[in-house]
Amino acid sequence: MEKVRIKDIARIANVSIGTVDRVIHNRGEVSPATREKVQKLLEEHQYKPDMIASSLATKRKITLAVVMPRLVNEHAFWKLPRSGIQKALNELSVYDITVHTCYFDQFSREDFVQKAGNFPFDRVQGVLFAPVFQAESIEFLRKCEVAKLPVVLFNSFLDDPYVKSYVGQDAFQSGYLAAKLINYGIEAGRDVAIINMSARKDHYAHINSREKGFRNYFTEHCDRLNHLVTLNLNGVDDQVLNRKVQELFEKYDLAGIFVTNSRVYKVAGYLALRGAIDVRLVGYDLLPESIEFLKRDYIDFLISQKPEEQSFRGLSSLFNLVVFNREPEKMQLLPIDIITRENLHYYKP
């Protein structure tokens, strides 16, 4: 009888190869019903792991690379993916695995180009990549393709055929959802603002997708909105930010604000200074500053991107691909969790 493979179990169970792998190794998030179904199939088909390959893998030296933005000033977001990477390394500690880290300045296209130009393509076996600058990131992917290095993306998606897998949210749908949250109970004739606080909005594909999803919702569902405006704040300090947001309030009758990234706490800080809690504010991620404003009702909803889970799954998928030739699911989309003051204690910051 021909030996059954993980991909065969995945096909029969109508799940991803990654899901079967997580059941076999008892790690990652799998629903109880799916876990039971996969486990039953493994037993029925008498699946047995390739112990020879596993034994050889434990003796093989593996070097993977992580390419992502470095920590900047007080902003804590990029600490979270680092935690996920360390968690993955802890789980893979029985293997001789080394991670080469390549941190770049997310505000400097030139810095990324320099780091990509000095990247050790001949000394690593795979790349976990959080892209920022779209054109330059695609050029980096072309170099990985030439070097035959598999690439797994997290945080931001690039539609490139060479990418083996993407781990993260559906950015369009998360923006669409944010608009729906703001639209609940909105008064006819009022205004809504989108605030982008990335270095440059066109650097990040997922920022553009979030705004597109947000606007698409209001195009489809709301004819009571007066104005839907966008404010781009590219690397400004708090004083300039407060002045620009104040100008928005002076010009528009704002019922809601959508901040397209994790810097939503900056706008919440302005609202707290102004004493304004009658504006619905939606943004991203469980950063300490945002949690405090969520508790005080200056932020109404936070959408969790689970950056720690993204990098954990991303590095684990890359490892299994490089070492065991286990093809990951092309799109590993994480749930779009809505966090409020009332359910905050169920989530780990």
Protein backbone atom coordinates (compact mmCIF):
# COMPACT_ATOMS: atom_id res chain seq x y z
CA MET A 1 0.00 0.00 0.00
CA GLU A 2 1.32 3.44 -0.93
CA LYS A 3 2.38 5.49 2.07
CA VAL A 4 -0.11 8.24 2.93
CA ARG A 5 1.29 11.76 3.09
CA ILE A 6 0.26 14.90 4.96
CA LYS A 7 -1.02 16.42 1.70
CA ASP A 8 -3.26 13.36 1.21
CA ILE A 9 -4.82 13.75 4.67
CA ALA A 10 -5.31 17.47 4.02
CA ARG A 11 -7.09 16.77 0.72
CA ILE A 12 -9.42 14.18 2.24
CA ALA A 13 -10.22 16.38 5.25
CA ASN A 14 -10.63 19.47 3.03
CA VAL A 15 -8.23 21.47 5.20
CA SER A 16 -4.80 23.00 4.65
CA ILE A 17 -1.54 21.10 4.93
CA GLY A 18 -0.61 23.50 7.72
CA THR A 19 -3.71 22.48 9.70
CA VAL A 20 -2.80 18.78 9.45
CA ASP A 21 0.75 19.60 10.50
CA ARG A 22 -0.51 21.52 13.56
CA VAL A 23 -2.68 18.55 14.58
CA ILE A 24 0.22 16.11 14.20
CA HIS A 25 2.57 18.27 16.25
CA ASN A 26 -0.15 19.53 18.63
CA ARG A 27 0.64 23.22 18.19
CA GLY A 28 -1.13 26.27 16.87
CA GLU A 29 -4.85 27.04 16.77
CA VAL A 30 -7.12 24.30 15.44
CA SER A 31 -10.82 24.03 16.28
CA PRO A 32 -11.80 20.93 18.34
CA ALA A 33 -14.03 19.64 15.54
CA THR A 34 -11.29 19.96 12.90
CA ARG A 35 -8.71 18.44 15.20
CA GLU A 36 -10.96 15.44 15.84
CA LYS A 37 -11.67 14.97 12.12
CA VAL A 38 -7.99 15.12 11.15
CA GLN A 39 -6.93 12.86 14.01
CA LYS A 40 -9.50 10.27 12.98
CA LEU A 41 -8.23 10.30 9.39
CA LEU A 42 -4.62 9.96 10.56
CA GLU A 43 -5.60 6.85 12.49
CA GLU A 44 -7.77 5.40 9.70
CA HIS A 45 -5.00 5.78 7.13
CA GLN A 46 -2.33 4.66 9.59
CA TYR A 47 -0.27 7.76 8.97
CA LYS A 48 3.29 7.53 10.25
CA PRO A 49 5.81 10.40 10.15
CA ASP A 50 9.00 9.91 8.20
CA MET A 51 11.31 9.22 11.15
CA ILE A 52 14.40 8.95 8.94
CA ALA A 53 13.80 12.39 7.50
CA SER A 54 13.06 13.76 10.96
CA SER A 55 16.24 12.24 12.33
CA LEU A 56 18.33 13.73 9.52
CA ALA A 57 16.65 17.09 10.02
CA THR A 58 17.63 17.24 13.68
CA LYS A 59 21.29 16.94 12.63
CA ARG A 60 21.08 19.43 9.79
CA LYS A 61 22.14 23.05 10.30
CA ILE A 62 19.36 25.40 9.22
CA THR A 63 19.74 29.13 8.71
CA LEU A 64 16.64 31.22 8.06
CA ALA A 65 16.38 34.99 7.66
CA VAL A 66 13.88 37.46 9.08
CA VAL A 67 13.53 40.79 7.26
CA MET A 68 11.32 43.29 9.07
CA PRO A 69 11.24 46.89 10.37
CA ARG A 70 13.31 47.66 13.44
CA LEU A 71 11.91 49.20 16.61
CA VAL A 72 11.49 52.96 16.39
CA ASN A 73 11.30 55.32 19.36
CA GLU A 74 8.46 54.50 21.72
CA HIS A 75 6.33 52.57 19.24
CA ALA A 76 5.90 49.03 20.55
CA PHE A 77 4.23 47.29 17.59
CA TRP A 78 7.35 45.57 16.19
CA LYS A 79 8.19 44.11 19.59
CA LEU A 80 5.26 41.72 19.14
CA PRO A 81 6.47 39.92 15.99
CA ARG A 82 9.86 39.51 17.66
CA SER A 83 8.10 37.69 20.50
CA GLY A 84 6.38 35.39 17.99
CA ILE A 85 9.68 34.58 16.33
CA GLN A 86 11.25 33.74 19.68
CA LYS A 87 8.25 31.55 20.52
CA ALA A 88 8.71 29.64 17.26
CA LEU A 89 12.44 29.20 17.94
CA ASN A 90 11.65 27.85 21.41
CA GLU A 91 9.35 25.22 19.88
CA LEU A 92 12.02 24.31 17.33
CA SER A 93 14.83 24.20 19.86
CA VAL A 94 15.58 20.51 19.17
CA TYR A 95 16.85 21.54 15.73
CA ASP A 96 20.12 23.25 14.90
CA ILE A 97 18.44 26.41 13.66
CA THR A 98 19.88 29.92 13.37
CA VAL A 99 17.94 33.05 12.43
CA HIS A 100 19.72 35.85 10.60
CA THR A 101 17.87 39.09 11.38
CA CYS A 102 17.82 41.98 8.93
CA TYR A 103 16.12 45.02 10.46
CA PHE A 104 15.46 48.09 8.31
CA ASP A 105 14.12 51.58 8.88
CA GLN A 106 10.46 51.52 7.84
CA PHE A 107 10.63 55.28 7.23
CA SER A 108 13.60 55.11 4.85
CA ARG A 109 13.37 53.55 1.41
CA GLU A 110 17.12 54.07 1.04
CA ASP A 111 17.88 52.08 4.20
CA PHE A 112 15.81 49.14 2.97
CA VAL A 113 17.52 49.20 -0.43
CA GLN A 114 20.92 49.19 1.29
CA LYS A 115 19.99 46.31 3.61
CA ALA A 116 18.50 44.32 0.71
CA GLY A 117 21.65 44.95 -1.32
CA ASN A 118 23.83 43.50 1.44
CA PHE A 119 21.51 40.56 2.15
CA PRO A 120 23.34 37.18 2.47
CA PHE A 121 21.38 35.33 -0.22
CA ASP A 122 23.99 32.58 -0.35
CA ARG A 123 24.05 31.90 3.39
CA VAL A 124 20.36 31.38 4.26
CA GLN A 125 17.77 28.81 3.19
CA GLY A 126 14.54 30.79 3.46
CA VAL A 127 13.17 34.24 4.26
CA LEU A 128 10.38 35.48 6.54
CA PHE A 129 9.59 38.98 5.27
CA ALA A 130 7.40 41.89 6.44
CA PRO A 131 7.33 44.12 3.35
CA VAL A 132 6.96 47.91 3.48
CA PHE A 133 8.16 49.60 0.30
CA GLN A 134 6.18 47.90 -2.45
CA ALA A 135 8.37 48.31 -5.54
CA GLU A 136 11.58 47.68 -3.64
CA SER A 137 10.07 44.69 -1.84
CA ILE A 138 9.09 43.10 -5.16
CA GLU A 139 12.65 43.65 -6.39
CA PHE A 140 13.89 41.89 -3.25
CA LEU A 141 11.54 38.98 -4.03
CA ARG A 142 13.05 38.72 -7.51
CA LYS A 143 16.50 38.36 -5.98
CA CYS A 144 15.18 35.67 -3.62
CA GLU A 145 13.73 33.88 -6.64
CA VAL A 146 17.09 33.95 -8.43
CA ALA A 147 18.75 32.60 -5.29
CA LYS A 148 15.99 29.95 -5.00
CA LEU A 149 15.08 31.10 -1.47
CA PRO A 150 11.46 30.43 -0.44
CA VAL A 151 9.71 33.46 1.04
CA VAL A 152 6.86 33.67 3.56
CA LEU A 153 5.26 37.09 4.12
CA PHE A 154 3.59 38.45 7.24
CA ASN A 155 1.86 41.70 8.26
CA SER A 156 1.47 43.02 4.70
CA PHE A 157 0.50 41.07 1.57
CA LEU A 158 2.15 41.37 -1.83
CA ASP A 159 0.42 39.65 -4.72
CA ASP A 160 3.50 37.95 -6.13
CA PRO A 161 3.54 34.39 -7.54
CA TYR A 162 6.90 33.61 -5.94
CA VAL A 163 5.60 34.10 -2.38
CA LYS A 164 5.04 30.70 -0.79
CA SER A 165 2.62 31.88 1.88
CA TYR A 166 1.16 34.98 3.51
CA VAL A 167 0.25 35.02 7.22
CA GLY A 168 -1.98 37.87 8.36
CA GLN A 169 -5.38 39.45 8.03
CA ASP A 170 -7.47 40.22 4.99
CA ALA A 171 -6.76 43.96 5.08
CA PHE A 172 -9.67 44.90 2.82
CA GLN A 173 -12.16 43.04 5.01
CA SER A 174 -10.75 44.54 8.22
CA GLY A 175 -11.25 48.04 6.76
CA TYR A 176 -14.74 47.07 5.64
CA LEU A 177 -15.50 45.85 9.15
CA ALA A 178 -14.15 49.06 10.71
CA ALA A 179 -16.58 51.07 8.58
CA LYS A 180 -19.47 48.89 9.69
CA LEU A 181 -18.54 49.43 13.34
CA ILE A 182 -18.46 53.20 12.87
CA ASN A 183 -21.68 53.22 10.86
CA TYR A 184 -23.78 51.66 13.65
CA GLY A 185 -26.07 54.39 14.95
CA ILE A 186 -24.47 57.21 12.98
CA GLU A 187 -26.67 60.27 12.56
CA ALA A 188 -27.65 61.31 9.04
CA GLY A 189 -25.65 64.16 7.58
CA ARG A 190 -22.54 63.75 9.75
CA ASP A 191 -18.95 63.17 8.64
CA VAL A 192 -16.34 60.43 9.03
CA ALA A 193 -12.54 60.68 8.73
CA ILE A 194 -9.84 58.20 7.79
CA ILE A 195 -6.43 58.98 9.31
CA ASN A 196 -3.29 57.34 7.96
CA MET A 197 -0.20 57.67 10.14
CA SER A 198 2.34 55.51 8.34
CA ALA A 199 5.54 57.08 7.05
CA ARG A 200 3.89 57.15 3.65
CA LYS A 201 0.61 55.48 2.88
CA ASP A 202 1.84 54.12 -0.43
CA HIS A 203 4.63 52.21 1.34
CA TYR A 204 2.21 49.72 2.87
CA ALA A 205 -0.08 47.61 0.70
CA HIS A 206 -2.26 46.70 3.68
CA ILE A 207 -2.86 50.37 4.61
CA ASN A 208 -4.18 51.02 1.12
CA SER A 209 -6.36 47.90 1.28
CA ARG A 210 -7.82 48.91 4.64
CA GLU A 211 -8.79 52.33 3.34
CA LYS A 212 -10.23 50.79 0.20
CA GLY A 213 -12.35 48.36 2.24
CA PHE A 214 -13.51 51.17 4.53
CA ARG A 215 -14.57 53.37 1.63
CA ASN A 216 -16.20 50.44 -0.15
CA TYR A 217 -18.49 49.79 2.81
CA PHE A 218 -19.80 53.35 2.85
CA THR A 219 -20.21 53.31 -0.93
CA GLU A 220 -22.38 50.20 -0.67
CA HIS A 221 -24.33 50.75 2.54
CA CYS A 222 -24.56 54.32 3.68
CA ASP A 223 -26.27 57.15 1.84
CA ARG A 224 -26.68 59.18 5.05
CA LEU A 225 -23.01 60.18 5.27
CA ASN A 226 -22.20 63.80 4.42
CA HIS A 227 -18.40 63.68 3.98
CA LEU A 228 -15.83 60.88 4.06
CA VAL A 229 -12.40 62.50 4.24
CA THR A 230 -8.82 61.23 4.46
CA LEU A 231 -6.00 62.82 6.44
CA ASN A 232 -2.47 61.59 5.72
CA LEU A 233 -0.01 62.33 8.53
CA ASN A 234 3.38 61.16 7.35
CA GLY A 235 5.85 61.03 10.23
CA VAL A 236 4.60 64.18 11.99
CA ASP A 237 5.18 64.93 15.68
CA ASP A 238 2.39 65.06 18.25
CA GLN A 239 2.04 68.84 18.08
CA VAL A 240 1.44 68.80 14.33
CA LEU A 241 -0.87 65.79 14.66
CA ASN A 242 -3.02 67.55 17.26
CA ARG A 243 -3.23 70.67 15.10
CA LYS A 244 -4.25 68.70 12.00
CA VAL A 245 -6.89 66.72 13.88
CA GLN A 246 -8.20 69.97 15.42
CA GLU A 247 -8.56 71.37 11.90
CA LEU A 248 -10.64 68.31 10.98
CA PHE A 249 -13.01 68.99 13.86
CA GLU A 250 -13.30 72.65 12.91
CA LYS A 251 -14.14 71.85 9.30
CA TYR A 252 -16.27 68.73 9.68
CA ASP A 253 -18.99 67.41 11.96
CA LEU A 254 -17.17 64.20 12.82
CA ALA A 255 -19.13 61.19 14.04
CA GLY A 256 -16.30 58.70 13.61
CA ILE A 257 -12.58 58.32 12.92
CA PHE A 258 -10.82 55.29 11.49
CA VAL A 259 -7.05 55.07 12.08
CA THR A 260 -5.58 52.58 9.63
CA ASN A 261 -2.74 51.33 11.83
CA SER A 262 -1.72 50.78 15.45
CA ARG A 263 -1.04 54.48 16.13
CA VAL A 264 -4.70 55.00 16.99
CA TYR A 265 -3.62 55.93 20.53
CA LYS A 266 -2.20 59.18 19.11
CA VAL A 267 -5.68 60.31 18.03
CA ALA A 268 -7.16 59.00 21.30
CA GLY A 269 -4.69 61.21 23.14
CA TYR A 270 -6.00 64.24 21.28
CA LEU A 271 -9.60 63.29 22.09
CA ALA A 272 -8.68 62.91 25.75
CA LEU A 273 -7.13 66.40 25.80
CA ARG A 274 -10.26 67.77 24.13
CA GLY A 275 -12.55 65.80 26.41
CA ALA A 276 -14.34 64.35 23.40
CA ILE A 277 -15.88 60.91 23.89
CA ASP A 278 -18.81 61.36 21.46
CA VAL A 279 -16.69 60.41 18.45
CA ARG A 280 -16.46 56.74 17.52
CA LEU A 281 -12.78 55.82 17.19
CA VAL A 282 -11.55 52.56 15.62
CA GLY A 283 -7.96 51.41 15.12
CA TYR A 284 -5.61 48.47 15.47
CA ASP A 285 -3.70 46.39 17.99
CA LEU A 286 -3.34 45.84 21.70
CA LEU A 287 -0.52 48.24 22.44
CA PRO A 288 -0.33 49.40 26.08
CA GLU A 289 -1.23 53.00 25.21
CA SER A 290 -4.27 51.95 23.18
CA ILE A 291 -5.45 49.60 25.92
CA GLU A 292 -5.54 52.48 28.40
CA PHE A 293 -7.60 54.65 26.04
CA LEU A 294 -9.92 51.70 25.32
CA LYS A 295 -10.56 51.37 29.05
CA ARG A 296 -11.36 55.09 29.24
CA ASP A 297 -13.75 54.96 26.24
CA TYR A 298 -11.71 57.24 24.00
CA ILE A 299 -11.18 54.24 21.72
CA ASP A 300 -14.36 52.29 20.97
CA PHE A 301 -12.98 49.31 19.05
CA LEU A 302 -9.55 47.81 18.45
CA ILE A 303 -9.03 45.29 15.66
CA SER A 304 -6.34 42.81 16.65
CA GLN A 305 -3.88 41.85 13.90
CA LYS A 306 -2.20 39.29 16.19
CA PRO A 307 1.33 40.26 15.06
CA GLU A 308 2.90 37.74 17.44
CA GLU A 309 0.81 34.93 15.96
CA GLN A 310 1.63 36.10 12.43
CA SER A 311 5.40 35.84 12.89
CA PHE A 312 5.09 32.60 14.88
CA ARG A 313 3.10 30.89 12.14
CA GLY A 314 5.24 32.49 9.44
CA LEU A 315 8.55 31.20 10.81
CA SER A 316 7.06 27.78 11.62
CA SER A 317 5.69 27.48 8.07
CA LEU A 318 9.02 28.51 6.57
CA PHE A 319 10.88 25.98 8.71
CA ASN A 320 8.57 23.12 7.74
CA LEU A 321 8.89 24.07 4.07
CA VAL A 322 12.69 24.26 4.12
CA VAL A 323 13.33 21.22 6.29
CA PHE A 324 10.47 18.83 5.53
CA ASN A 325 9.27 20.19 2.16
CA ARG A 326 5.79 20.76 3.60
CA GLU A 327 4.06 23.30 1.40
CA PRO A 328 2.19 25.84 3.54
CA GLU A 329 -1.26 27.14 2.75
CA LYS A 330 -0.91 30.05 0.31
CA MET A 331 -3.09 32.40 2.36
CA GLN A 332 -3.03 31.84 6.12
CA LEU A 333 -5.66 34.40 7.06
CA LEU A 334 -6.09 35.13 10.76
CA PRO A 335 -9.45 36.03 12.34
CA ILE A 336 -10.44 39.69 12.49
CA ASP A 337 -11.04 40.04 16.23
CA ILE A 338 -12.98 43.05 17.53
CA ILE A 339 -11.85 44.12 20.99
CA THR A 340 -13.85 46.40 23.27
CA ARG A 341 -13.50 47.48 26.87
CA GLU A 342 -15.96 44.73 27.83
CA ASN A 343 -14.06 41.79 26.30
CA LEU A 344 -10.52 43.15 26.70
CA HIS A 345 -9.64 40.84 29.60
CA TYR A 346 -10.07 37.78 27.33
CA TYR A 347 -7.15 38.90 25.18
CA LYS A 348 -3.47 38.77 25.98
CA PRO A 349 -1.78 42.11 25.19
